[in-house]
Amino acid sequence: MDTNDLKIFTTTYDNHSFSAASEKLFMSPQGVAKAINRMEADLSVQLFMRSKAGIKPTAYSHNLYNKATELELMFQSINAPTDDT
């Protein structure tokens, strides 16, 4: 799992859809699903319940989302330009 996988996860979580996430990320829905499946295998947990009606985050997914958004904010602050140049 890497930062790109976390971005895919948070975008999927926010949009409740592999297809909607794929549009925002300029990826195929299959690419998004593959990344989520890889994360689930790496973590040995299910992140989304899948049904014909769509996807629904699991309890583990809620916790991971909170941590992932914190990490995204940290990475943004690291990459922010400073006035110390």
PDB file of N, CA and C in Angstrom:
ATOM      1  N   MET A   1       0.852  -1.167   0.000  1.00  0.00           N
ATOM      2  CA  MET A   1       0.000   0.000   0.000  1.00  0.00           C
ATOM      3  C   MET A   1       0.902   1.236   0.000  1.00  0.00           C
ATOM      4  N   ASP A   2       0.518   2.227  -0.800  1.00  0.00           N
ATOM      5  CA  ASP A   2       1.279   3.466  -0.858  1.00  0.00           C
ATOM      6  C   ASP A   2       0.330   4.661  -0.817  1.00  0.00           C
ATOM      7  N   THR A   3       0.872   5.854  -0.927  1.00  0.00           N
ATOM      8  CA  THR A   3       0.039   7.055  -0.836  1.00  0.00           C
ATOM      9  C   THR A   3      -0.977   7.135  -1.975  1.00  0.00           C
ATOM     10  N   ASN A   4      -0.619   6.616  -3.126  1.00  0.00           N
ATOM     11  CA  ASN A   4      -1.562   6.594  -4.247  1.00  0.00           C
ATOM     12  C   ASN A   4      -2.760   5.698  -3.914  1.00  0.00           C
ATOM     13  N   ASP A   5      -2.497   4.551  -3.305  1.00  0.00           N
ATOM     14  CA  ASP A   5      -3.589   3.658  -2.900  1.00  0.00           C
ATOM     15  C   ASP A   5      -4.499   4.350  -1.888  1.00  0.00           C
ATOM     16  N   LEU A   6      -3.905   5.092  -0.956  1.00  0.00           N
ATOM     17  CA  LEU A   6      -4.725   5.815   0.031  1.00  0.00           C
ATOM     18  C   LEU A   6      -5.594   6.872  -0.634  1.00  0.00           C
ATOM     19  N   LYS A   7      -5.054   7.547  -1.652  1.00  0.00           N
ATOM     20  CA  LYS A   7      -5.849   8.546  -2.389  1.00  0.00           C
ATOM     21  C   LYS A   7      -7.007   7.864  -3.120  1.00  0.00           C
ATOM     22  N   ILE A   8      -6.755   6.721  -3.712  1.00  0.00           N
ATOM     23  CA  ILE A   8      -7.810   5.965  -4.384  1.00  0.00           C
ATOM     24  C   ILE A   8      -8.871   5.554  -3.370  1.00  0.00           C
ATOM     25  N   PHE A   9      -8.424   5.079  -2.211  1.00  0.00           N
ATOM     26  CA  PHE A   9      -9.359   4.678  -1.169  1.00  0.00           C
ATOM     27  C   PHE A   9     -10.220   5.849  -0.703  1.00  0.00           C
ATOM     28  N   THR A  10      -9.597   6.990  -0.370  1.00  0.00           N
ATOM     29  CA  THR A  10     -10.379   8.117   0.150  1.00  0.00           C
ATOM     30  C   THR A  10     -11.344   8.665  -0.901  1.00  0.00           C
ATOM     31  N   THR A  11     -10.929   8.673  -2.147  1.00  0.00           N
ATOM     32  CA  THR A  11     -11.813   9.150  -3.217  1.00  0.00           C
ATOM     33  C   THR A  11     -12.986   8.195  -3.397  1.00  0.00           C
ATOM     34  N   THR A  12     -12.733   6.912  -3.316  1.00  0.00           N
ATOM     35  CA  THR A  12     -13.805   5.917  -3.410  1.00  0.00           C
ATOM     36  C   THR A  12     -14.753   6.061  -2.226  1.00  0.00           C
ATOM     37  N   TYR A  13     -14.205   6.209  -1.042  1.00  0.00           N
ATOM     38  CA  TYR A  13     -14.997   6.383   0.176  1.00  0.00           C
ATOM     39  C   TYR A  13     -15.886   7.627   0.047  1.00  0.00           C
ATOM     40  N   ASP A  14     -15.312   8.739  -0.385  1.00  0.00           N
ATOM     41  CA  ASP A  14     -16.060   9.994  -0.515  1.00  0.00           C
ATOM     42  C   ASP A  14     -17.189   9.903  -1.537  1.00  0.00           C
ATOM     43  N   ASN A  15     -16.964   9.125  -2.598  1.00  0.00           N
ATOM     44  CA  ASN A  15     -17.925   9.063  -3.700  1.00  0.00           C
ATOM     45  C   ASN A  15     -18.841   7.849  -3.659  1.00  0.00           C
ATOM     46  N   HIS A  16     -18.593   6.914  -2.746  1.00  0.00           N
ATOM     47  CA  HIS A  16     -19.427   5.714  -2.598  1.00  0.00           C
ATOM     48  C   HIS A  16     -19.566   4.930  -3.892  1.00  0.00           C
ATOM     49  N   SER A  17     -18.527   4.977  -4.723  1.00  0.00           N
ATOM     50  CA  SER A  17     -18.625   4.326  -6.029  1.00  0.00           C
ATOM     51  C   SER A  17     -17.237   4.186  -6.652  1.00  0.00           C
ATOM     52  N   PHE A  18     -16.957   3.012  -7.192  1.00  0.00           N
ATOM     53  CA  PHE A  18     -15.726   2.827  -7.944  1.00  0.00           C
ATOM     54  C   PHE A  18     -15.748   3.677  -9.211  1.00  0.00           C
ATOM     55  N   SER A  19     -16.903   3.719  -9.876  1.00  0.00           N
ATOM     56  CA  SER A  19     -17.022   4.477 -11.127  1.00  0.00           C
ATOM     57  C   SER A  19     -16.835   5.968 -10.913  1.00  0.00           C
ATOM     58  N   ALA A  20     -17.494   6.514  -9.889  1.00  0.00           N
ATOM     59  CA  ALA A  20     -17.358   7.945  -9.617  1.00  0.00           C
ATOM     60  C   ALA A  20     -15.922   8.287  -9.209  1.00  0.00           C
ATOM     61  N   ALA A  21     -15.308   7.424  -8.412  1.00  0.00           N
ATOM     62  CA  ALA A  21     -13.911   7.644  -8.020  1.00  0.00           C
ATOM     63  C   ALA A  21     -13.004   7.594  -9.242  1.00  0.00           C
ATOM     64  N   SER A  22     -13.280   6.661 -10.135  1.00  0.00           N
ATOM     65  CA  SER A  22     -12.429   6.524 -11.318  1.00  0.00           C
ATOM     66  C   SER A  22     -12.491   7.778 -12.187  1.00  0.00           C
ATOM     67  N   GLU A  23     -13.652   8.388 -12.293  1.00  0.00           N
ATOM     68  CA  GLU A  23     -13.780   9.626 -13.076  1.00  0.00           C
ATOM     69  C   GLU A  23     -12.960  10.750 -12.453  1.00  0.00           C
ATOM     70  N   LYS A  24     -13.021  10.886 -11.150  1.00  0.00           N
ATOM     71  CA  LYS A  24     -12.279  11.939 -10.456  1.00  0.00           C
ATOM     72  C   LYS A  24     -10.768  11.714 -10.529  1.00  0.00           C
ATOM     73  N   LEU A  25     -10.370  10.454 -10.547  1.00  0.00           N
ATOM     74  CA  LEU A  25      -8.947  10.109 -10.544  1.00  0.00           C
ATOM     75  C   LEU A  25      -8.382   9.863 -11.943  1.00  0.00           C
ATOM     76  N   PHE A  26      -9.233   9.967 -12.964  1.00  0.00           N
ATOM     77  CA  PHE A  26      -8.822   9.703 -14.341  1.00  0.00           C
ATOM     78  C   PHE A  26      -8.231   8.307 -14.493  1.00  0.00           C
ATOM     79  N   MET A  27      -8.960   7.345 -13.907  1.00  0.00           N
ATOM     80  CA  MET A  27      -8.591   5.933 -13.970  1.00  0.00           C
ATOM     81  C   MET A  27      -9.792   5.150 -14.480  1.00  0.00           C
ATOM     82  N   SER A  28      -9.582   3.899 -14.805  1.00  0.00           N
ATOM     83  CA  SER A  28     -10.710   3.034 -15.134  1.00  0.00           C
ATOM     84  C   SER A  28     -11.335   2.528 -13.830  1.00  0.00           C
ATOM     85  N   PRO A  29     -12.637   2.202 -13.851  1.00  0.00           N
ATOM     86  CA  PRO A  29     -13.254   1.613 -12.663  1.00  0.00           C
ATOM     87  C   PRO A  29     -12.549   0.317 -12.248  1.00  0.00           C
ATOM     88  N   GLN A  30     -12.058  -0.433 -13.231  1.00  0.00           N
ATOM     89  CA  GLN A  30     -11.345  -1.670 -12.934  1.00  0.00           C
ATOM     90  C   GLN A  30     -10.034  -1.380 -12.195  1.00  0.00           C
ATOM     91  N   GLY A  31      -9.365  -0.287 -12.564  1.00  0.00           N
ATOM     92  CA  GLY A  31      -8.130   0.101 -11.883  1.00  0.00           C
ATOM     93  C   GLY A  31      -8.377   0.482 -10.429  1.00  0.00           C
ATOM     94  N   VAL A  32      -9.482   1.195 -10.195  1.00  0.00           N
ATOM     95  CA  VAL A  32      -9.850   1.562  -8.827  1.00  0.00           C
ATOM     96  C   VAL A  32     -10.164   0.298  -8.027  1.00  0.00           C
ATOM     97  N   ALA A  33     -10.980  -0.572  -8.595  1.00  0.00           N
ATOM     98  CA  ALA A  33     -11.353  -1.816  -7.911  1.00  0.00           C
ATOM     99  C   ALA A  33     -10.118  -2.667  -7.621  1.00  0.00           C
ATOM    100  N   LYS A  34      -9.188  -2.711  -8.556  1.00  0.00           N
ATOM    101  CA  LYS A  34      -7.966  -3.488  -8.365  1.00  0.00           C
ATOM    102  C   LYS A  34      -7.149  -2.926  -7.196  1.00  0.00           C
ATOM    103  N   ALA A  35      -7.040  -1.605  -7.109  1.00  0.00           N
ATOM    104  CA  ALA A  35      -6.302  -0.972  -6.009  1.00  0.00           C
ATOM    105  C   ALA A  35      -6.974  -1.261  -4.669  1.00  0.00           C
ATOM    106  N   ILE A  36      -8.305  -1.177  -4.639  1.00  0.00           N
ATOM    107  CA  ILE A  36      -9.038  -1.465  -3.398  1.00  0.00           C
ATOM    108  C   ILE A  36      -8.857  -2.932  -3.016  1.00  0.00           C
ATOM    109  N   ASN A  37      -8.956  -3.817  -3.989  1.00  0.00           N
ATOM    110  CA  ASN A  37      -8.750  -5.251  -3.721  1.00  0.00           C
ATOM    111  C   ASN A  37      -7.348  -5.520  -3.180  1.00  0.00           C
ATOM    112  N   ARG A  38      -6.349  -4.824  -3.730  1.00  0.00           N
ATOM    113  CA  ARG A  38      -4.965  -4.980  -3.273  1.00  0.00           C
ATOM    114  C   ARG A  38      -4.837  -4.500  -1.824  1.00  0.00           C
ATOM    115  N   MET A  39      -5.463  -3.374  -1.510  1.00  0.00           N
ATOM    116  CA  MET A  39      -5.426  -2.865  -0.140  1.00  0.00           C
ATOM    117  C   MET A  39      -6.095  -3.840   0.820  1.00  0.00           C
ATOM    118  N   GLU A  40      -7.242  -4.376   0.407  1.00  0.00           N
ATOM    119  CA  GLU A  40      -7.945  -5.338   1.253  1.00  0.00           C
ATOM    120  C   GLU A  40      -7.081  -6.573   1.505  1.00  0.00           C
ATOM    121  N   ALA A  41      -6.378  -7.031   0.484  1.00  0.00           N
ATOM    122  CA  ALA A  41      -5.494  -8.185   0.651  1.00  0.00           C
ATOM    123  C   ALA A  41      -4.320  -7.846   1.570  1.00  0.00           C
ATOM    124  N   ASP A  42      -3.723  -6.667   1.381  1.00  0.00           N
ATOM    125  CA  ASP A  42      -2.589  -6.252   2.218  1.00  0.00           C
ATOM    126  C   ASP A  42      -2.997  -6.115   3.683  1.00  0.00           C
ATOM    127  N   LEU A  43      -4.199  -5.581   3.921  1.00  0.00           N
ATOM    128  CA  LEU A  43      -4.665  -5.333   5.286  1.00  0.00           C
ATOM    129  C   LEU A  43      -5.428  -6.511   5.888  1.00  0.00           C
ATOM    130  N   SER A  44      -5.783  -7.474   5.064  1.00  0.00           N
ATOM    131  CA  SER A  44      -6.583  -8.639   5.478  1.00  0.00           C
ATOM    132  C   SER A  44      -7.934  -8.227   6.080  1.00  0.00           C
ATOM    133  N   VAL A  45      -8.548  -7.222   5.467  1.00  0.00           N
ATOM    134  CA  VAL A  45      -9.875  -6.755   5.881  1.00  0.00           C
ATOM    135  C   VAL A  45     -10.681  -6.384   4.646  1.00  0.00           C
ATOM    136  N   GLN A  46     -11.980  -6.324   4.815  1.00  0.00           N
ATOM    137  CA  GLN A  46     -12.848  -5.845   3.750  1.00  0.00           C
ATOM    138  C   GLN A  46     -13.118  -4.365   3.994  1.00  0.00           C
ATOM    139  N   LEU A  47     -12.848  -3.535   2.991  1.00  0.00           N
ATOM    140  CA  LEU A  47     -13.040  -2.093   3.135  1.00  0.00           C
ATOM    141  C   LEU A  47     -14.436  -1.650   2.720  1.00  0.00           C
ATOM    142  N   PHE A  48     -15.010  -2.332   1.746  1.00  0.00           N
ATOM    143  CA  PHE A  48     -16.338  -1.976   1.246  1.00  0.00           C
ATOM    144  C   PHE A  48     -17.193  -3.222   1.087  1.00  0.00           C
ATOM    145  N   MET A  49     -18.445  -3.113   1.493  1.00  0.00           N
ATOM    146  CA  MET A  49     -19.423  -4.163   1.217  1.00  0.00           C
ATOM    147  C   MET A  49     -19.929  -3.895  -0.198  1.00  0.00           C
ATOM    148  N   ARG A  50     -19.895  -4.910  -1.028  1.00  0.00           N
ATOM    149  CA  ARG A  50     -20.322  -4.762  -2.420  1.00  0.00           C
ATOM    150  C   ARG A  50     -21.679  -5.426  -2.611  1.00  0.00           C
ATOM    151  N   SER A  51     -22.553  -4.745  -3.359  1.00  0.00           N
ATOM    152  CA  SER A  51     -23.856  -5.307  -3.708  1.00  0.00           C
ATOM    153  C   SER A  51     -24.280  -4.739  -5.060  1.00  0.00           C
ATOM    154  N   LYS A  52     -25.387  -5.201  -5.550  1.00  0.00           N
ATOM    155  CA  LYS A  52     -25.891  -4.678  -6.825  1.00  0.00           C
ATOM    156  C   LYS A  52     -26.260  -3.202  -6.711  1.00  0.00           C
ATOM    157  N   ALA A  53     -26.557  -2.758  -5.486  1.00  0.00           N
ATOM    158  CA  ALA A  53     -26.924  -1.361  -5.251  1.00  0.00           C
ATOM    159  C   ALA A  53     -25.697  -0.452  -5.145  1.00  0.00           C
ATOM    160  N   GLY A  54     -24.506  -1.031  -5.049  1.00  0.00           N
ATOM    161  CA  GLY A  54     -23.296  -0.231  -4.954  1.00  0.00           C
ATOM    162  C   GLY A  54     -22.384  -0.716  -3.849  1.00  0.00           C
ATOM    163  N   ILE A  55     -21.592   0.194  -3.317  1.00  0.00           N
ATOM    164  CA  ILE A  55     -20.655  -0.163  -2.251  1.00  0.00           C
ATOM    165  C   ILE A  55     -20.982   0.630  -0.990  1.00  0.00           C
ATOM    166  N   LYS A  56     -20.645   0.023   0.143  1.00  0.00           N
ATOM    167  CA  LYS A  56     -20.873   0.660   1.432  1.00  0.00           C
ATOM    168  C   LYS A  56     -19.631   0.436   2.293  1.00  0.00           C
ATOM    169  N   PRO A  57     -19.086   1.506   2.902  1.00  0.00           N
ATOM    170  CA  PRO A  57     -17.896   1.336   3.732  1.00  0.00           C
ATOM    171  C   PRO A  57     -18.158   0.451   4.947  1.00  0.00           C
ATOM    172  N   THR A  58     -17.151  -0.309   5.329  1.00  0.00           N
ATOM    173  CA  THR A  58     -17.227  -1.129   6.540  1.00  0.00           C
ATOM    174  C   THR A  58     -16.776  -0.289   7.739  1.00  0.00           C
ATOM    175  N   ALA A  59     -16.921  -0.829   8.938  1.00  0.00           N
ATOM    176  CA  ALA A  59     -16.467  -0.128  10.144  1.00  0.00           C
ATOM    177  C   ALA A  59     -14.962   0.127  10.076  1.00  0.00           C
ATOM    178  N   TYR A  60     -14.189  -0.852   9.618  1.00  0.00           N
ATOM    179  CA  TYR A  60     -12.748  -0.675   9.476  1.00  0.00           C
ATOM    180  C   TYR A  60     -12.446   0.465   8.513  1.00  0.00           C
ATOM    181  N   SER A  61     -13.242   0.544   7.463  1.00  0.00           N
ATOM    182  CA  SER A  61     -13.067   1.570   6.448  1.00  0.00           C
ATOM    183  C   SER A  61     -13.218   2.974   7.028  1.00  0.00           C
ATOM    184  N   HIS A  62     -14.159   3.157   7.945  1.00  0.00           N
ATOM    185  CA  HIS A  62     -14.359   4.470   8.579  1.00  0.00           C
ATOM    186  C   HIS A  62     -13.089   4.903   9.315  1.00  0.00           C
ATOM    187  N   ASN A  63     -12.498   3.996  10.058  1.00  0.00           N
ATOM    188  CA  ASN A  63     -11.277   4.297  10.800  1.00  0.00           C
ATOM    189  C   ASN A  63     -10.119   4.597   9.849  1.00  0.00           C
ATOM    190  N   LEU A  64      -9.954   3.770   8.836  1.00  0.00           N
ATOM    191  CA  LEU A  64      -8.884   3.979   7.864  1.00  0.00           C
ATOM    192  C   LEU A  64      -9.052   5.322   7.160  1.00  0.00           C
ATOM    193  N   TYR A  65     -10.274   5.688   6.841  1.00  0.00           N
ATOM    194  CA  TYR A  65     -10.538   6.960   6.166  1.00  0.00           C
ATOM    195  C   TYR A  65     -10.053   8.128   7.033  1.00  0.00           C
ATOM    196  N   ASN A  66     -10.376   8.100   8.313  1.00  0.00           N
ATOM    197  CA  ASN A  66      -9.943   9.180   9.204  1.00  0.00           C
ATOM    198  C   ASN A  66      -8.424   9.287   9.245  1.00  0.00           C
ATOM    199  N   LYS A  67      -7.751   8.157   9.333  1.00  0.00           N
ATOM    200  CA  LYS A  67      -6.283   8.154   9.365  1.00  0.00           C
ATOM    201  C   LYS A  67      -5.696   8.583   8.020  1.00  0.00           C
ATOM    202  N   ALA A  68      -6.289   8.131   6.945  1.00  0.00           N
ATOM    203  CA  ALA A  68      -5.787   8.465   5.607  1.00  0.00           C
ATOM    204  C   ALA A  68      -5.934   9.954   5.316  1.00  0.00           C
ATOM    205  N   THR A  69      -7.040  10.558   5.739  1.00  0.00           N
ATOM    206  CA  THR A  69      -7.209  11.997   5.508  1.00  0.00           C
ATOM    207  C   THR A  69      -6.211  12.793   6.350  1.00  0.00           C
ATOM    208  N   GLU A  70      -5.904  12.323   7.552  1.00  0.00           N
ATOM    209  CA  GLU A  70      -4.867  12.974   8.369  1.00  0.00           C
ATOM    210  C   GLU A  70      -3.518  12.911   7.651  1.00  0.00           C
ATOM    211  N   LEU A  71      -3.197  11.745   7.095  1.00  0.00           N
ATOM    212  CA  LEU A  71      -1.939  11.595   6.363  1.00  0.00           C
ATOM    213  C   LEU A  71      -1.889  12.501   5.139  1.00  0.00           C
ATOM    214  N   GLU A  72      -2.995  12.604   4.407  1.00  0.00           N
ATOM    215  CA  GLU A  72      -3.034  13.477   3.234  1.00  0.00           C
ATOM    216  C   GLU A  72      -2.743  14.922   3.630  1.00  0.00           C
ATOM    217  N   LEU A  73      -3.318  15.372   4.739  1.00  0.00           N
ATOM    218  CA  LEU A  73      -3.066  16.736   5.216  1.00  0.00           C
ATOM    219  C   LEU A  73      -1.595  16.922   5.597  1.00  0.00           C
ATOM    220  N   MET A  74      -1.007  15.909   6.224  1.00  0.00           N
ATOM    221  CA  MET A  74       0.409  15.985   6.576  1.00  0.00           C
ATOM    222  C   MET A  74       1.276  16.078   5.332  1.00  0.00           C
ATOM    223  N   PHE A  75       0.978  15.259   4.323  1.00  0.00           N
ATOM    224  CA  PHE A  75       1.757  15.302   3.088  1.00  0.00           C
ATOM    225  C   PHE A  75       1.599  16.643   2.385  1.00  0.00           C
ATOM    226  N   GLN A  76       0.406  17.211   2.426  1.00  0.00           N
ATOM    227  CA  GLN A  76       0.193  18.528   1.820  1.00  0.00           C
ATOM    228  C   GLN A  76       1.034  19.584   2.529  1.00  0.00           C
ATOM    229  N   SER A  77       1.097  19.512   3.857  1.00  0.00           N
ATOM    230  CA  SER A  77       1.880  20.501   4.595  1.00  0.00           C
ATOM    231  C   SER A  77       3.373  20.333   4.330  1.00  0.00           C
ATOM    232  N   ILE A  78       3.825  19.104   4.122  1.00  0.00           N
ATOM    233  CA  ILE A  78       5.229  18.858   3.801  1.00  0.00           C
ATOM    234  C   ILE A  78       5.574  19.466   2.442  1.00  0.00           C
ATOM    235  N   ASN A  79       4.656  19.354   1.495  1.00  0.00           N
ATOM    236  CA  ASN A  79       4.892  19.827   0.141  1.00  0.00           C
ATOM    237  C   ASN A  79       4.571  21.298  -0.052  1.00  0.00           C
ATOM    238  N   ALA A  80       4.046  21.954   0.967  1.00  0.00           N
ATOM    239  CA  ALA A  80       3.684  23.360   0.846  1.00  0.00           C
ATOM    240  C   ALA A  80       4.940  24.227   0.756  1.00  0.00           C
ATOM    241  N   PRO A  81       4.912  25.224  -0.124  1.00  0.00           N
ATOM    242  CA  PRO A  81       6.081  26.114  -0.213  1.00  0.00           C
ATOM    243  C   PRO A  81       6.238  26.925   1.073  1.00  0.00           C
ATOM    244  N   THR A  82       7.463  27.240   1.389  1.00  0.00           N
ATOM    245  CA  THR A  82       7.735  28.048   2.572  1.00  0.00           C
ATOM    246  C   THR A  82       8.342  29.373   2.157  1.00  0.00           C
ATOM    247  N   ASP A  83       8.375  30.309   3.070  1.00  0.00           N
ATOM    248  CA  ASP A  83       8.948  31.619   2.807  1.00  0.00           C
ATOM    249  C   ASP A  83      10.433  31.674   3.131  1.00  0.00           C
ATOM    250  N   ASP A  84      11.011  30.541   3.503  1.00  0.00           N
ATOM    251  CA  ASP A  84      12.407  30.479   3.924  1.00  0.00           C
ATOM    252  C   ASP A  84      13.354  30.223   2.760  1.00  0.00           C
ATOM    253  N   THR A  85      13.071  30.728   1.577  1.00  0.00           N
ATOM    254  CA  THR A  85      13.947  30.468   0.427  1.00  0.00           C
ATOM    255  C   THR A  85      14.940  31.570   0.201  1.00  0.00           C
TER     256      THR A  85
END
